[in-house]
Amino acid sequence: MEKPRIRHIAINVEDLDKTAEYYKKVFGMEEKHRRPGGTIYLSDGHLDLALIHTEKYPWGIHHFGFKVDSVKEIEKIADTKAEDNTYGAIAESWIKDAEGNRVDVSEHGWPI
């Protein structure tokens, strides 16, 4: 199996537009997509950044995601069962790390 790579980070922000403009101006990120619910997807060509807004979770980093060859193989290595992503986002599934942090695992990566 090829080494998994971090492909995206999701940040829960209070002001979507202001934060998106910051990352575009300061780091030259490109806006790739806006979901009807407000999520803004940015990319530098290597790493993707999802800006989300929900008061259900603390502000700051919400989760990050790896592109993997096989979700089933990750389940074996982590000795866990990945949960299906039912939130309508991109990654197919996610697991929790040793501290309970959400980690998306996707065989397909982002379509954008």
Protein backbone atom coordinates (compact mmCIF):
# COMPACT_ATOMS: atom_id res chain seq x y z
CA MET A 1 0.00 0.00 0.00
CA GLU A 2 1.29 3.46 -0.89
CA LYS A 3 1.85 5.80 2.06
CA PRO A 4 -1.38 7.76 2.77
CA ARG A 5 -1.10 11.52 2.29
CA ILE A 6 -2.93 14.31 4.06
CA ARG A 7 -5.03 15.88 1.32
CA HIS A 8 -7.38 18.23 3.15
CA ILE A 9 -7.97 20.15 6.34
CA ALA A 10 -11.39 21.44 7.39
CA ILE A 11 -11.59 24.56 9.56
CA ASN A 12 -14.78 25.65 11.32
CA VAL A 13 -14.83 29.44 10.92
CA GLU A 14 -17.18 32.20 12.00
CA ASP A 15 -16.90 34.28 8.79
CA LEU A 16 -16.62 32.15 5.64
CA ASP A 17 -16.06 34.94 3.13
CA LYS A 18 -13.54 36.87 5.23
CA THR A 19 -11.54 33.71 5.93
CA ALA A 20 -11.63 32.59 2.29
CA GLU A 21 -10.36 35.99 1.15
CA TYR A 22 -7.54 35.78 3.70
CA TYR A 23 -6.29 32.42 2.40
CA LYS A 24 -6.62 33.55 -1.21
CA LYS A 25 -4.74 36.83 -0.58
CA VAL A 26 -2.05 35.63 1.83
CA PHE A 27 -1.36 32.13 0.48
CA GLY A 28 -2.54 32.41 -3.13
CA MET A 29 -5.12 29.66 -2.66
CA GLU A 30 -7.71 29.23 -5.39
CA GLU A 31 -11.41 28.90 -4.73
CA LYS A 32 -12.58 25.63 -6.24
CA HIS A 33 -16.19 25.30 -5.13
CA ARG A 34 -18.93 26.67 -2.86
CA ARG A 35 -21.60 24.33 -1.57
CA PRO A 36 -25.17 25.58 -1.22
CA GLY A 37 -24.81 25.23 2.58
CA GLY A 38 -21.91 27.66 2.53
CA THR A 39 -18.81 25.48 2.71
CA ILE A 40 -15.98 26.98 0.64
CA TYR A 41 -13.31 24.72 -0.86
CA LEU A 42 -9.88 26.21 -1.55
CA SER A 43 -6.72 24.61 -2.92
CA ASP A 44 -3.05 25.40 -3.43
CA GLY A 45 -2.79 22.55 -5.92
CA HIS A 46 -1.49 20.09 -3.33
CA LEU A 47 -3.50 20.58 -0.16
CA ASP A 48 -7.20 21.35 -0.09
CA LEU A 49 -8.81 23.53 2.57
CA ALA A 50 -12.50 23.31 3.46
CA LEU A 51 -13.94 26.27 5.31
CA ILE A 52 -17.08 25.24 7.16
CA HIS A 53 -19.43 27.11 9.47
CA THR A 54 -21.41 25.35 12.17
CA GLU A 55 -22.12 26.37 15.74
CA LYS A 56 -22.44 22.67 16.69
CA TYR A 57 -18.64 22.35 16.98
CA PRO A 58 -15.82 24.51 18.36
CA TRP A 59 -14.19 27.07 16.08
CA GLY A 60 -10.88 25.97 14.60
CA ILE A 61 -9.66 22.78 12.98
CA HIS A 62 -12.62 20.41 12.67
CA HIS A 63 -10.96 17.46 10.93
CA PHE A 64 -8.38 16.49 8.35
CA GLY A 65 -8.37 13.82 5.70
CA PHE A 66 -6.07 11.31 4.07
CA LYS A 67 -6.27 9.94 0.56
CA VAL A 68 -5.64 6.20 0.93
CA ASP A 69 -5.37 3.21 -1.39
CA SER A 70 -7.83 1.17 0.67
CA VAL A 71 -10.21 2.18 3.45
CA LYS A 72 -10.50 -1.53 4.37
CA GLU A 73 -6.72 -1.74 4.86
CA ILE A 74 -6.79 1.35 7.11
CA GLU A 75 -9.57 -0.27 9.15
CA LYS A 76 -7.37 -3.34 9.67
CA ILE A 77 -4.29 -1.32 10.64
CA ALA A 78 -6.27 0.94 13.00
CA ASP A 79 -8.30 -2.00 14.35
CA THR A 80 -11.54 -0.10 13.85
CA LYS A 81 -14.54 0.15 11.57
CA ALA A 82 -14.76 3.31 9.47
CA GLU A 83 -18.06 5.15 9.70
CA ASP A 84 -19.88 6.07 6.51
CA ASN A 85 -19.89 9.80 5.90
CA THR A 86 -23.54 10.81 6.02
CA TYR A 87 -22.91 14.58 6.02
CA GLY A 88 -22.84 14.97 2.25
CA ALA A 89 -19.18 15.95 2.20
CA ILE A 90 -16.55 14.46 -0.07
CA ALA A 91 -14.78 11.69 1.86
CA GLU A 92 -16.54 8.32 1.87
CA SER A 93 -15.84 7.53 5.50
CA TRP A 94 -14.00 8.51 8.64
CA ILE A 95 -12.37 7.06 11.70
CA LYS A 96 -11.34 8.45 15.09
CA ASP A 97 -7.69 8.64 16.11
CA ALA A 98 -6.33 7.64 19.54
CA GLU A 99 -7.52 10.98 21.02
CA GLY A 100 -10.96 10.84 19.40
CA ASN A 101 -10.20 13.31 16.57
CA ARG A 102 -12.06 12.78 13.31
CA VAL A 103 -9.90 11.65 10.39
CA ASP A 104 -11.50 11.35 6.94
CA VAL A 105 -10.28 8.47 4.79
CA SER A 106 -10.99 8.48 1.09
CA GLU A 107 -9.91 6.29 -1.79
CA HIS A 108 -11.04 8.88 -4.34
CA GLY A 109 -9.99 12.22 -2.90
CA TRP A 110 -11.75 15.44 -3.77
CA PRO A 111 -13.45 15.74 -7.14
CA ILE A 112 -12.60 19.44 -7.34
